[in-house]
């Protein structure tokens, strides 16, 4: 999309990882995985996150930018109650937290 002239931004709960895999612009947010826009049912909060992400996209004219959006989850993330099962990557890291630095650094084995 970038090559075609369409700027993109990734809203990510793992911004360093997202950047390491080549996203041209990354808006990081301290929200639970799977809920980067905000809590279900909180339309106003979700709208604010989306507006902030789009403002960053507008300001970051060239690829390579990264920002941490100024939104925090209302409770500490380690106390978040998952709705259903956590995403697969979260389950993997919960069981193997020592792999997180490899994930963030982009040292990800290809298991195809």
N, C-alpha and C. Protein backbone atom coordinates (compact mmCIF):
# COMPACT_ATOMS: atom_id res chain seq x y z
N UNK A 1 0.82 -1.19 0.00
CA UNK A 1 0.00 0.00 0.00
C UNK A 1 0.87 1.25 0.00
N UNK A 2 1.93 1.21 0.81
CA UNK A 2 2.84 2.36 0.87
C UNK A 2 3.43 2.65 -0.51
N UNK A 3 3.83 1.59 -1.23
CA UNK A 3 4.43 1.76 -2.56
C UNK A 3 3.43 2.39 -3.53
N UNK A 4 2.15 2.16 -3.29
CA UNK A 4 1.11 2.72 -4.15
C UNK A 4 0.72 4.13 -3.72
N UNK A 5 1.37 4.65 -2.67
CA UNK A 5 1.08 6.01 -2.22
C UNK A 5 0.05 6.12 -1.11
N UNK A 6 -0.36 4.99 -0.55
CA UNK A 6 -1.32 5.00 0.56
C UNK A 6 -0.57 4.81 1.87
N UNK A 7 -0.58 5.83 2.70
CA UNK A 7 0.09 5.75 4.00
C UNK A 7 -0.69 4.84 4.93
N UNK A 8 0.05 4.07 5.75
CA UNK A 8 -0.59 3.16 6.70
C UNK A 8 0.00 3.36 8.09
N UNK A 9 -0.79 2.98 9.09
CA UNK A 9 -0.33 3.00 10.47
C UNK A 9 -0.90 1.76 11.16
N UNK A 10 -0.09 1.13 12.00
CA UNK A 10 -0.54 -0.01 12.78
C UNK A 10 -0.78 0.45 14.21
N UNK A 11 -1.95 0.17 14.74
CA UNK A 11 -2.25 0.42 16.14
C UNK A 11 -1.92 -0.87 16.87
N UNK A 12 -0.97 -0.83 17.79
CA UNK A 12 -0.44 -2.07 18.34
C UNK A 12 -0.28 -2.05 19.86
N UNK A 13 -0.61 -3.18 20.46
CA UNK A 13 -0.37 -3.37 21.89
C UNK A 13 1.04 -3.91 22.13
N UNK A 14 1.74 -4.28 21.06
CA UNK A 14 3.14 -4.71 21.10
C UNK A 14 3.92 -3.88 20.07
N UNK A 15 4.06 -2.57 20.32
CA UNK A 15 4.62 -1.69 19.29
C UNK A 15 6.03 -2.02 18.85
N UNK A 16 6.91 -2.42 19.76
CA UNK A 16 8.27 -2.76 19.36
C UNK A 16 8.28 -3.96 18.42
N UNK A 17 7.47 -4.95 18.72
CA UNK A 17 7.36 -6.11 17.85
C UNK A 17 6.79 -5.70 16.50
N UNK A 18 5.73 -4.93 16.51
CA UNK A 18 5.08 -4.51 15.26
C UNK A 18 6.07 -3.75 14.38
N UNK A 19 6.86 -2.90 15.00
CA UNK A 19 7.87 -2.16 14.25
C UNK A 19 8.94 -3.11 13.70
N UNK A 20 9.32 -4.12 14.50
CA UNK A 20 10.39 -5.03 14.09
C UNK A 20 10.01 -5.88 12.87
N UNK A 21 8.71 -6.07 12.64
CA UNK A 21 8.30 -6.86 11.49
C UNK A 21 7.99 -6.00 10.28
N UNK A 22 8.31 -4.71 10.35
CA UNK A 22 8.27 -3.87 9.16
C UNK A 22 7.10 -2.93 8.99
N UNK A 23 6.28 -2.74 10.01
CA UNK A 23 5.20 -1.77 9.86
C UNK A 23 5.79 -0.37 9.66
N UNK A 24 5.32 0.37 8.66
CA UNK A 24 5.93 1.67 8.36
C UNK A 24 5.72 2.72 9.45
N UNK A 25 4.58 2.70 10.10
CA UNK A 25 4.28 3.63 11.20
C UNK A 25 3.56 2.83 12.27
N UNK A 26 3.91 3.09 13.52
CA UNK A 26 3.31 2.31 14.61
C UNK A 26 2.83 3.26 15.70
N UNK A 27 1.56 3.11 16.06
CA UNK A 27 0.99 3.81 17.20
C UNK A 27 0.84 2.77 18.31
N UNK A 28 1.66 2.86 19.34
CA UNK A 28 1.63 1.91 20.44
C UNK A 28 0.64 2.35 21.50
N UNK A 29 0.01 1.39 22.13
CA UNK A 29 -0.98 1.70 23.16
C UNK A 29 -0.92 0.64 24.26
N UNK A 30 -1.01 1.06 25.51
CA UNK A 30 -0.99 0.13 26.65
C UNK A 30 -2.41 -0.36 26.95
N UNK A 31 -2.88 -1.23 26.09
CA UNK A 31 -4.17 -1.87 26.24
C UNK A 31 -3.97 -3.37 26.15
N UNK A 32 -4.92 -4.17 26.62
CA UNK A 32 -4.78 -5.62 26.49
C UNK A 32 -4.75 -6.03 25.03
N UNK A 33 -4.04 -7.13 24.76
CA UNK A 33 -4.01 -7.66 23.41
C UNK A 33 -5.43 -7.98 22.97
N UNK A 34 -5.72 -7.66 21.73
CA UNK A 34 -7.05 -7.91 21.19
C UNK A 34 -8.01 -6.77 21.41
N UNK A 35 -7.60 -5.75 22.19
CA UNK A 35 -8.49 -4.62 22.46
C UNK A 35 -7.74 -3.29 22.28
N UNK A 36 -7.02 -3.10 21.17
CA UNK A 36 -6.22 -1.89 21.03
C UNK A 36 -7.07 -0.60 21.00
N UNK A 37 -8.29 -0.69 20.50
CA UNK A 37 -9.13 0.52 20.47
C UNK A 37 -9.73 0.84 21.82
N UNK A 38 -9.87 -0.14 22.68
CA UNK A 38 -10.44 0.11 23.99
C UNK A 38 -11.45 -0.96 24.38
N UNK A 39 -12.07 -0.73 25.50
CA UNK A 39 -13.00 -1.71 26.06
C UNK A 39 -14.25 -1.84 25.21
N UNK A 40 -14.80 -3.05 25.13
CA UNK A 40 -16.05 -3.24 24.41
C UNK A 40 -17.14 -2.34 24.99
N UNK A 41 -17.89 -1.72 24.12
CA UNK A 41 -18.99 -0.86 24.56
C UNK A 41 -18.60 0.58 24.86
N UNK A 42 -17.30 0.88 24.87
CA UNK A 42 -16.85 2.24 25.16
C UNK A 42 -16.60 2.98 23.84
N UNK A 43 -17.70 3.33 23.17
CA UNK A 43 -17.60 3.94 21.84
C UNK A 43 -16.83 5.26 21.89
N UNK A 44 -17.05 6.08 22.89
CA UNK A 44 -16.36 7.37 22.96
C UNK A 44 -14.86 7.18 23.14
N UNK A 45 -14.46 6.27 24.03
CA UNK A 45 -13.04 6.00 24.22
C UNK A 45 -12.40 5.43 22.96
N UNK A 46 -13.11 4.53 22.28
CA UNK A 46 -12.60 3.95 21.04
C UNK A 46 -12.44 5.03 19.97
N UNK A 47 -13.39 5.95 19.91
CA UNK A 47 -13.32 7.05 18.95
C UNK A 47 -12.10 7.92 19.21
N UNK A 48 -11.80 8.17 20.49
CA UNK A 48 -10.63 9.00 20.83
C UNK A 48 -9.33 8.31 20.44
N UNK A 49 -9.24 7.00 20.66
CA UNK A 49 -8.03 6.26 20.25
C UNK A 49 -7.89 6.32 18.74
N UNK A 50 -8.97 6.11 18.02
CA UNK A 50 -8.92 6.16 16.56
C UNK A 50 -8.50 7.55 16.07
N UNK A 51 -9.07 8.61 16.66
CA UNK A 51 -8.69 9.97 16.26
C UNK A 51 -7.20 10.22 16.51
N UNK A 52 -6.70 9.79 17.66
CA UNK A 52 -5.27 9.99 17.97
C UNK A 52 -4.39 9.21 17.00
N UNK A 53 -4.81 8.01 16.62
CA UNK A 53 -4.05 7.21 15.66
C UNK A 53 -4.02 7.91 14.31
N UNK A 54 -5.13 8.44 13.88
CA UNK A 54 -5.19 9.13 12.59
C UNK A 54 -4.42 10.45 12.61
N UNK A 55 -4.40 11.14 13.75
CA UNK A 55 -3.58 12.36 13.86
C UNK A 55 -2.10 12.01 13.71
N UNK A 56 -1.68 10.90 14.31
CA UNK A 56 -0.30 10.46 14.15
C UNK A 56 0.00 10.13 12.69
N UNK A 57 -0.92 9.44 12.03
CA UNK A 57 -0.74 9.10 10.62
C UNK A 57 -0.58 10.37 9.79
N UNK A 58 -1.37 11.37 10.08
CA UNK A 58 -1.28 12.63 9.36
C UNK A 58 0.05 13.35 9.61
N UNK A 59 0.53 13.28 10.84
CA UNK A 59 1.78 13.98 11.20
C UNK A 59 3.02 13.24 10.72
N UNK A 60 2.96 11.92 10.66
CA UNK A 60 4.13 11.11 10.26
C UNK A 60 4.07 10.89 8.76
N UNK A 61 4.50 11.87 8.02
CA UNK A 61 4.38 11.83 6.55
C UNK A 61 5.22 10.74 5.90
N UNK A 62 6.37 10.40 6.50
CA UNK A 62 7.21 9.37 5.89
C UNK A 62 7.27 8.16 6.81
N UNK A 63 7.53 6.98 6.24
CA UNK A 63 7.62 5.76 7.05
C UNK A 63 8.73 5.85 8.09
N UNK A 64 8.58 5.06 9.13
CA UNK A 64 9.60 4.99 10.17
C UNK A 64 9.18 5.56 11.50
N UNK A 65 8.02 6.18 11.57
CA UNK A 65 7.60 6.81 12.82
C UNK A 65 6.96 5.85 13.79
N UNK A 66 7.12 6.19 15.06
CA UNK A 66 6.49 5.41 16.12
C UNK A 66 6.13 6.36 17.25
N UNK A 67 4.97 6.16 17.85
CA UNK A 67 4.51 6.99 18.95
C UNK A 67 3.79 6.11 19.96
N UNK A 68 3.84 6.52 21.22
CA UNK A 68 3.03 5.86 22.24
C UNK A 68 1.83 6.76 22.50
N UNK A 69 0.64 6.24 22.25
CA UNK A 69 -0.56 7.03 22.46
C UNK A 69 -0.82 7.19 23.95
N UNK A 70 -1.37 8.34 24.35
CA UNK A 70 -1.52 8.65 25.78
C UNK A 70 -2.79 8.09 26.43
N UNK A 71 -3.06 6.82 26.17
CA UNK A 71 -4.23 6.18 26.76
C UNK A 71 -3.77 5.01 27.61
N UNK A 72 -4.31 4.91 28.80
CA UNK A 72 -4.00 3.79 29.69
C UNK A 72 -5.27 3.01 29.98
N UNK A 73 -5.11 1.72 30.19
CA UNK A 73 -6.24 0.87 30.57
C UNK A 73 -6.62 1.21 32.01
N UNK A 74 -7.89 1.16 32.36
CA UNK A 74 -8.31 1.58 33.71
C UNK A 74 -7.81 0.71 34.86
N UNK A 75 -7.37 -0.50 34.59
CA UNK A 75 -6.79 -1.35 35.63
C UNK A 75 -5.43 -1.83 35.13
N UNK A 76 -4.51 -2.21 36.03
CA UNK A 76 -3.22 -2.72 35.57
C UNK A 76 -3.41 -3.91 34.62
N UNK A 77 -2.59 -3.97 33.58
CA UNK A 77 -2.78 -5.00 32.56
C UNK A 77 -2.65 -6.41 33.11
N UNK A 78 -1.85 -6.60 34.17
CA UNK A 78 -1.72 -7.96 34.71
C UNK A 78 -3.00 -8.40 35.43
N UNK A 79 -3.94 -7.47 35.63
CA UNK A 79 -5.21 -7.82 36.28
C UNK A 79 -6.38 -7.88 35.30
N UNK A 80 -6.10 -7.76 34.01
CA UNK A 80 -7.15 -7.78 33.00
C UNK A 80 -7.80 -9.15 32.97
N UNK A 81 -9.11 -9.16 32.96
CA UNK A 81 -9.88 -10.40 32.82
C UNK A 81 -10.16 -10.57 31.33
N UNK A 82 -9.67 -11.67 30.76
CA UNK A 82 -9.88 -11.94 29.34
C UNK A 82 -11.32 -12.34 29.12
N UNK A 83 -11.87 -11.92 28.01
CA UNK A 83 -13.20 -12.35 27.59
C UNK A 83 -12.98 -13.55 26.68
N UNK A 84 -13.11 -14.74 27.22
CA UNK A 84 -12.76 -15.94 26.46
C UNK A 84 -11.27 -16.20 26.61
N UNK A 85 -10.72 -16.93 25.68
CA UNK A 85 -9.30 -17.27 25.72
C UNK A 85 -8.45 -16.09 25.28
N UNK A 86 -7.28 -15.91 25.89
CA UNK A 86 -6.38 -14.87 25.39
C UNK A 86 -5.87 -15.26 24.00
N UNK A 87 -5.41 -14.28 23.22
CA UNK A 87 -4.88 -14.59 21.89
C UNK A 87 -3.74 -15.59 21.99
N UNK A 88 -3.49 -16.36 20.92
CA UNK A 88 -2.43 -17.39 20.95
C UNK A 88 -1.07 -16.85 21.35
N UNK A 89 -0.69 -15.68 20.86
CA UNK A 89 0.63 -15.15 21.20
C UNK A 89 0.71 -14.85 22.70
N UNK A 90 -0.39 -14.38 23.29
CA UNK A 90 -0.40 -14.10 24.72
C UNK A 90 -0.28 -15.39 25.52
N UNK A 91 -0.99 -16.44 25.11
CA UNK A 91 -0.88 -17.73 25.80
C UNK A 91 0.55 -18.25 25.73
N UNK A 92 1.16 -18.12 24.56
CA UNK A 92 2.54 -18.58 24.38
C UNK A 92 3.49 -17.83 25.31
N UNK A 93 3.34 -16.51 25.38
CA UNK A 93 4.25 -15.71 26.21
C UNK A 93 3.97 -15.88 27.71
N UNK A 94 2.74 -16.16 28.07
CA UNK A 94 2.42 -16.41 29.48
C UNK A 94 3.16 -17.67 29.94
N UNK A 95 3.21 -18.68 29.09
CA UNK A 95 3.89 -19.93 29.43
C UNK A 95 5.40 -19.86 29.27
N UNK A 96 5.88 -18.95 28.41
CA UNK A 96 7.32 -18.85 28.11
C UNK A 96 7.75 -17.38 28.10
N UNK A 97 7.67 -16.68 29.23
CA UNK A 97 7.98 -15.24 29.24
C UNK A 97 9.41 -14.92 28.84
N UNK A 98 10.33 -15.87 28.97
CA UNK A 98 11.72 -15.63 28.58
C UNK A 98 11.86 -15.44 27.06
N UNK A 99 10.83 -15.77 26.28
CA UNK A 99 10.89 -15.59 24.83
C UNK A 99 10.51 -14.17 24.39
N UNK A 100 9.96 -13.38 25.31
CA UNK A 100 9.52 -12.03 24.93
C UNK A 100 10.63 -11.18 24.31
N UNK A 101 11.85 -11.15 24.89
CA UNK A 101 12.91 -10.34 24.24
C UNK A 101 13.18 -10.78 22.80
N UNK A 102 13.12 -12.08 22.53
CA UNK A 102 13.32 -12.55 21.15
C UNK A 102 12.19 -12.06 20.25
N UNK A 103 10.98 -12.09 20.77
CA UNK A 103 9.83 -11.62 20.00
C UNK A 103 9.98 -10.15 19.64
N UNK A 104 10.34 -9.35 20.61
CA UNK A 104 10.48 -7.91 20.39
C UNK A 104 11.64 -7.60 19.46
N UNK A 105 12.71 -8.37 19.55
CA UNK A 105 13.88 -8.11 18.70
C UNK A 105 13.67 -8.59 17.27
N UNK A 106 12.60 -9.33 17.02
CA UNK A 106 12.35 -9.83 15.67
C UNK A 106 12.99 -11.18 15.41
N UNK A 107 13.58 -11.81 16.44
CA UNK A 107 14.23 -13.11 16.30
C UNK A 107 13.15 -14.19 16.42
N UNK A 108 12.40 -14.37 15.34
CA UNK A 108 11.25 -15.27 15.35
C UNK A 108 11.52 -16.42 14.40
N UNK A 109 11.60 -17.65 14.91
CA UNK A 109 11.87 -18.79 14.02
C UNK A 109 10.73 -19.03 13.06
N UNK A 110 11.06 -19.48 11.88
CA UNK A 110 10.07 -19.83 10.87
C UNK A 110 9.73 -21.29 11.03
N UNK A 111 8.48 -21.57 11.40
CA UNK A 111 8.06 -22.96 11.64
C UNK A 111 7.13 -23.47 10.54
N UNK A 112 7.32 -22.98 9.34
CA UNK A 112 6.45 -23.45 8.25
C UNK A 112 6.88 -24.80 7.79
